[in-house]
Amino acid sequence: ALQAQAELAQQELQRLDESKSRFISVAAHELKTPLTLIDGYASMLRDRLPSQVLTPETRQLLEGISSGTRRLQNIINDMLDVSLIDNNLLQLSFQPLWLDQVLDILKHEVQPLVDERRQNLKINGRNVLHKMTYGDPERLYQAFMHLLNNAIKFTPDGGSITLDARMLPGFVEITITDTGIGIDPADQDEIFQKFGRLGDVLRHHSSGKTKFKGGGPGLGLPIAKGIIEAHGGTVWVESPGYDEEKCPGSTFHVLLPLRNAPPDTGVEKLFATVKES
């Protein structure tokens, strides 16, 4: 009887989760059009208002509208991606690529933010990364952007972030190591769950050490995980713990196959071997 009740409860939880995913997908789609219109109208006003009306204060207000709508559009796109991942509908365009080229573009994109924070971002292991593999370059760019943004947010000004790589049989392992505030072991699985938080929201998402205020929707790492797993890879994090003063740092590990292969081609077995080594 207890087992039957447990199965019914599990089915109900699954049904509720599916309903939530459908609601997120519908709501996100419905919000995209009005946000695009708001951003378009704000841009039109900036371009067409006469100079006597478009004062510096008015321009700043219009730029604030555009900035806010773009941020909401990014959140909506993340919500749609989560819905696709949850329903196994994420479409990948596999093609030959070189990971170092993807990461170089990414480094160029985040460099202004890194410079603003006086952080040091390095990419090592180029001889490993400059090997052809198969994947979706845009989706892999997106996954690594989320991982890098996470490292930048939780690393204090003046800290360092290092990307490195090593070859494994049939796979490449890419690590992103930061000198940030770290992650408590109890939270290291939760951060890859959608809408997950790093323990105490106030402690981790309003860190005085990192000057990072506000936590966002908590979708970046789950999306990165979904994209990497769709490529037949896996991702995990290692950190000795959370300490805002000592900043023990974190290392995110990404394991990707070097060729187009299904997600179940020995990844889990190799994943366990790598974590033990």
Protein backbone atom coordinates (compact mmCIF):
# COMPACT_ATOMS: atom_id res chain seq x y z
CA ALA A 1 0.00 0.00 0.00
CA LEU A 2 2.83 2.39 0.85
CA GLN A 3 4.56 1.64 -2.43
CA ALA A 4 1.34 2.32 -4.35
CA GLN A 5 0.90 5.63 -2.55
CA ALA A 6 4.50 6.56 -3.30
CA GLU A 7 4.01 5.77 -6.99
CA LEU A 8 0.83 7.86 -7.12
CA ALA A 9 2.60 10.75 -5.42
CA GLN A 10 5.47 10.48 -7.89
CA GLN A 11 3.04 10.49 -10.84
CA GLU A 12 1.29 13.56 -9.44
CA LEU A 13 4.61 15.37 -9.03
CA GLN A 14 5.52 14.51 -12.61
CA ARG A 15 2.15 15.77 -13.83
CA LEU A 16 2.57 19.03 -11.94
CA ASP A 17 6.09 19.47 -13.30
CA GLU A 18 4.83 18.92 -16.85
CA SER A 19 2.02 21.42 -16.28
CA LYS A 20 4.52 23.97 -15.00
CA SER A 21 6.74 23.43 -18.04
CA ARG A 22 3.78 23.97 -20.39
CA PHE A 23 2.78 27.13 -18.52
CA ILE A 24 6.33 28.49 -18.71
CA SER A 25 6.50 27.79 -22.44
CA VAL A 26 3.14 29.44 -23.21
CA ALA A 27 3.79 32.46 -20.97
CA ALA A 28 7.26 33.00 -22.43
CA HIS A 29 5.97 32.89 -26.01
CA GLU A 30 3.18 35.36 -25.20
CA LEU A 31 5.60 37.81 -23.59
CA LYS A 32 8.11 37.92 -26.43
CA THR A 33 6.02 40.01 -28.86
CA PRO A 34 5.05 42.88 -26.51
CA LEU A 35 8.62 43.12 -25.21
CA THR A 36 9.94 43.35 -28.76
CA LEU A 37 7.44 46.14 -29.45
CA ILE A 38 8.45 48.06 -26.31
CA ASP A 39 12.14 47.83 -27.23
CA GLY A 40 11.36 48.88 -30.81
CA TYR A 41 9.33 51.90 -29.74
CA ALA A 42 12.04 53.01 -27.31
CA SER A 43 14.65 52.79 -30.08
CA MET A 44 12.37 54.69 -32.46
CA LEU A 45 11.91 57.49 -29.95
CA ARG A 46 15.68 57.78 -29.45
CA ASP A 47 16.18 58.04 -33.20
CA ARG A 48 13.27 60.36 -34.08
CA LEU A 49 12.72 62.75 -31.18
CA PRO A 50 14.00 66.28 -31.91
CA SER A 51 17.07 67.33 -29.99
CA GLN A 52 15.17 69.88 -27.90
CA VAL A 53 12.96 67.06 -26.59
CA LEU A 54 15.58 64.32 -26.38
CA THR A 55 17.45 65.66 -23.37
CA PRO A 56 20.26 63.60 -21.80
CA GLU A 57 17.83 62.57 -19.06
CA THR A 58 15.22 61.45 -21.60
CA ARG A 59 17.83 59.47 -23.56
CA GLN A 60 18.96 57.79 -20.35
CA LEU A 61 15.38 56.82 -19.52
CA LEU A 62 14.83 55.36 -23.00
CA GLU A 63 18.10 53.42 -22.80
CA GLY A 64 16.94 52.09 -19.44
CA ILE A 65 13.71 50.86 -21.05
CA SER A 66 15.65 49.12 -23.82
CA SER A 67 18.12 47.59 -21.36
CA GLY A 68 15.31 46.29 -19.16
CA THR A 69 13.37 44.78 -22.06
CA ARG A 70 16.50 43.06 -23.40
CA ARG A 71 17.14 41.57 -19.99
CA LEU A 72 13.56 40.28 -19.86
CA GLN A 73 13.93 38.88 -23.37
CA ASN A 74 17.05 37.00 -22.28
CA ILE A 75 15.18 35.56 -19.29
CA ILE A 76 12.30 34.53 -21.55
CA ASN A 77 14.69 32.84 -23.98
CA ASP A 78 16.22 30.96 -21.04
CA MET A 79 12.75 29.88 -19.91
CA LEU A 80 11.99 28.57 -23.39
CA ASP A 81 15.29 26.68 -23.47
CA VAL A 82 14.50 25.09 -20.11
CA SER A 83 11.12 24.00 -21.47
CA LEU A 84 12.79 22.45 -24.51
CA ILE A 85 15.33 20.65 -22.35
CA ASP A 86 12.68 19.38 -19.92
CA ASN A 87 10.64 17.93 -22.79
CA ASN A 88 13.63 16.50 -24.68
CA LEU A 89 12.90 18.85 -27.58
CA LEU A 90 16.23 20.68 -27.71
CA GLN A 91 17.38 20.57 -31.34
CA LEU A 92 21.12 20.55 -32.04
CA SER A 93 22.74 21.33 -35.37
CA PHE A 94 25.77 19.04 -35.31
CA GLN A 95 28.67 20.17 -37.46
CA PRO A 96 32.47 20.02 -37.37
CA LEU A 97 33.95 22.60 -35.01
CA TRP A 98 37.06 23.50 -33.07
CA LEU A 99 36.42 24.22 -29.39
CA ASP A 100 39.23 26.78 -29.14
CA GLN A 101 37.48 28.95 -31.74
CA VAL A 102 34.20 28.80 -29.81
CA LEU A 103 35.96 29.72 -26.57
CA ASP A 104 37.99 32.53 -28.19
CA ILE A 105 34.77 34.19 -29.38
CA LEU A 106 33.35 33.75 -25.88
CA LYS A 107 36.45 35.29 -24.28
CA HIS A 108 36.17 38.30 -26.57
CA GLU A 109 32.51 38.76 -25.56
CA VAL A 110 33.10 38.65 -21.79
CA GLN A 111 36.43 40.51 -21.75
CA PRO A 112 34.87 43.97 -21.10
CA LEU A 113 33.11 42.63 -18.00
CA VAL A 114 36.28 40.85 -16.88
CA ASP A 115 38.29 44.07 -17.34
CA GLU A 116 35.68 46.06 -15.42
CA ARG A 117 36.08 43.65 -12.49
CA ARG A 118 39.91 43.66 -12.89
CA GLN A 119 39.80 39.88 -13.20
CA ASN A 120 42.24 37.73 -15.13
CA LEU A 121 40.74 35.29 -17.66
CA LYS A 122 43.07 32.73 -19.25
CA ILE A 123 42.54 29.89 -21.72
CA ASN A 124 45.10 27.10 -21.48
CA GLY A 125 45.33 23.73 -23.20
CA ARG A 126 44.99 25.11 -26.71
CA ASN A 127 46.74 22.08 -28.21
CA VAL A 128 43.91 19.97 -26.78
CA LEU A 129 41.13 22.37 -27.72
CA HIS A 130 42.34 22.77 -31.31
CA LYS A 131 40.98 19.42 -32.39
CA MET A 132 37.96 18.88 -34.55
CA THR A 133 34.87 17.52 -32.89
CA TYR A 134 31.17 17.51 -33.67
CA GLY A 135 28.61 19.68 -31.97
CA ASP A 136 26.32 22.66 -32.21
CA PRO A 137 28.64 25.71 -31.98
CA GLU A 138 25.89 28.15 -30.99
CA ARG A 139 24.55 25.90 -28.22
CA LEU A 140 28.03 25.10 -26.91
CA TYR A 141 28.80 28.83 -26.92
CA GLN A 142 25.63 29.34 -24.89
CA ALA A 143 26.55 26.62 -22.40
CA PHE A 144 30.06 27.93 -21.81
CA MET A 145 28.75 31.51 -21.61
CA HIS A 146 26.51 30.50 -18.71
CA LEU A 147 29.41 28.72 -16.98
CA LEU A 148 31.76 31.67 -17.48
CA ASN A 149 29.18 34.22 -16.34
CA ASN A 150 28.70 32.17 -13.19
CA ALA A 151 32.44 32.23 -12.50
CA ILE A 152 32.66 35.98 -13.14
CA LYS A 153 29.72 36.74 -10.84
CA PHE A 154 31.06 34.81 -7.86
CA THR A 155 34.73 35.77 -8.18
CA PRO A 156 35.86 38.93 -6.34
CA ASP A 157 37.35 41.87 -8.16
CA GLY A 158 40.97 41.11 -9.01
CA GLY A 159 40.40 37.36 -8.99
CA SER A 160 41.23 34.89 -11.75
CA ILE A 161 39.31 32.48 -13.96
CA THR A 162 41.15 29.79 -15.91
CA LEU A 163 39.91 27.49 -18.66
CA ASP A 164 41.96 24.36 -19.20
CA ALA A 165 41.59 21.10 -21.10
CA ARG A 166 42.92 17.56 -21.19
CA MET A 167 42.44 14.61 -23.48
CA LEU A 168 40.70 11.42 -22.35
CA PRO A 169 39.95 8.35 -24.49
CA GLY A 170 37.31 9.59 -26.93
CA PHE A 171 36.56 12.69 -24.86
CA VAL A 172 37.88 16.12 -23.98
CA GLU A 173 37.55 17.46 -20.45
CA ILE A 174 37.33 21.23 -20.11
CA THR A 175 37.62 22.82 -16.67
CA ILE A 176 36.67 26.33 -15.57
CA THR A 177 38.44 27.19 -12.33
CA ASP A 178 37.81 30.41 -10.42
CA THR A 179 39.12 32.00 -7.24
CA GLY A 180 35.62 32.85 -6.08
CA ILE A 181 33.65 32.38 -2.89
CA GLY A 182 33.14 28.67 -3.49
CA ILE A 183 30.10 26.41 -3.24
CA ASP A 184 29.02 24.40 -0.23
CA PRO A 185 29.11 20.64 -0.97
CA ALA A 186 25.43 20.41 -0.01
CA ASP A 187 24.56 22.85 -2.82
CA GLN A 188 26.70 21.38 -5.59
CA ASP A 189 23.91 19.27 -7.09
CA GLU A 190 21.17 21.82 -6.48
CA ILE A 191 22.79 24.53 -8.61
CA PHE A 192 22.12 22.46 -11.74
CA GLN A 193 18.39 22.26 -10.97
CA LYS A 194 16.12 24.81 -12.65
CA PHE A 195 15.31 27.77 -10.42
CA GLY A 196 17.90 26.36 -8.02
CA ARG A 197 19.70 28.60 -5.56
CA LEU A 198 23.03 28.40 -3.87
CA GLY A 199 21.74 27.75 -0.37
CA ASP A 200 20.83 30.94 1.44
CA VAL A 201 19.79 33.48 -1.21
CA LEU A 202 20.98 36.46 0.79
CA ARG A 203 24.31 34.86 1.60
CA HIS A 204 25.16 33.75 -1.94
CA HIS A 205 23.27 36.16 -4.17
CA SER A 206 24.04 39.43 -2.41
CA SER A 207 27.69 38.85 -1.72
CA GLY A 208 29.54 41.91 -0.48
CA LYS A 209 32.78 40.23 -1.50
CA THR A 210 31.82 39.86 -5.16
CA LYS A 211 29.53 42.93 -5.40
CA PHE A 212 27.00 40.66 -7.09
CA LYS A 213 23.49 41.76 -6.21
CA GLY A 214 20.42 39.70 -6.99
CA GLY A 215 20.26 36.10 -8.06
CA GLY A 216 18.32 36.05 -11.32
CA PRO A 217 15.99 33.16 -12.17
CA GLY A 218 18.61 30.46 -11.61
CA LEU A 219 18.42 29.00 -15.13
CA GLY A 220 21.94 29.43 -16.53
CA LEU A 221 23.58 26.35 -15.06
CA PRO A 222 20.60 24.03 -15.73
CA ILE A 223 20.62 25.18 -19.37
CA ALA A 224 24.38 24.58 -19.62
CA LYS A 225 23.86 21.11 -18.17
CA GLY A 226 21.03 20.34 -20.62
CA ILE A 227 23.05 21.45 -23.65
CA ILE A 228 26.14 19.52 -22.60
CA GLU A 229 24.14 16.36 -21.89
CA ALA A 230 22.40 16.71 -25.27
CA HIS A 231 25.89 16.54 -26.80
CA GLY A 232 26.51 13.25 -25.03
CA GLY A 233 28.56 14.90 -22.29
CA THR A 234 28.22 15.70 -18.64
CA VAL A 235 29.09 18.52 -16.24
CA TRP A 236 29.81 18.68 -12.53
CA VAL A 237 31.40 21.03 -10.01
CA GLU A 238 33.99 20.60 -7.29
CA SER A 239 34.61 23.07 -4.48
CA PRO A 240 35.94 22.69 -0.94
CA GLY A 241 33.08 24.84 0.34
CA TYR A 242 31.72 28.34 0.67
CA ASP A 243 33.89 30.99 2.34
CA GLU A 244 33.48 34.63 1.40
CA GLU A 245 36.68 35.65 3.17
CA LYS A 246 39.11 32.91 2.11
CA CYS A 247 37.58 32.41 -1.35
CA PRO A 248 38.40 28.73 -1.89
CA GLY A 249 37.10 28.82 -5.46
CA SER A 250 35.27 26.29 -7.61
CA THR A 251 36.08 24.12 -10.61
CA PHE A 252 33.42 23.22 -13.15
CA HIS A 253 34.21 20.12 -15.23
CA VAL A 254 32.74 19.63 -18.71
CA LEU A 255 33.19 16.27 -20.42
CA LEU A 256 32.43 16.24 -24.16
CA PRO A 257 32.81 13.45 -26.72
CA LEU A 258 35.29 14.15 -29.50
CA ARG A 259 32.81 13.00 -32.14
CA ASN A 260 29.06 12.87 -32.65
CA ALA A 261 27.91 10.14 -30.27
CA PRO A 262 24.74 9.33 -28.34
CA PRO A 263 24.61 10.57 -24.71
CA ASP A 264 24.87 7.05 -23.31
CA THR A 265 28.17 5.98 -24.90
CA GLY A 266 30.03 5.29 -21.71
CA VAL A 267 29.84 8.81 -20.37
CA GLU A 268 28.55 7.86 -16.92
CA LYS A 269 31.24 5.20 -16.46
CA LEU A 270 33.96 7.60 -17.57
CA PHE A 271 32.44 10.37 -15.43
CA ALA A 272 32.86 8.21 -12.32
CA THR A 273 36.44 7.36 -13.31
CA VAL A 274 37.38 11.01 -13.86
CA LYS A 275 35.92 12.10 -10.51
CA GLU A 276 37.93 9.41 -8.72
CA SER A 277 41.20 10.37 -10.45
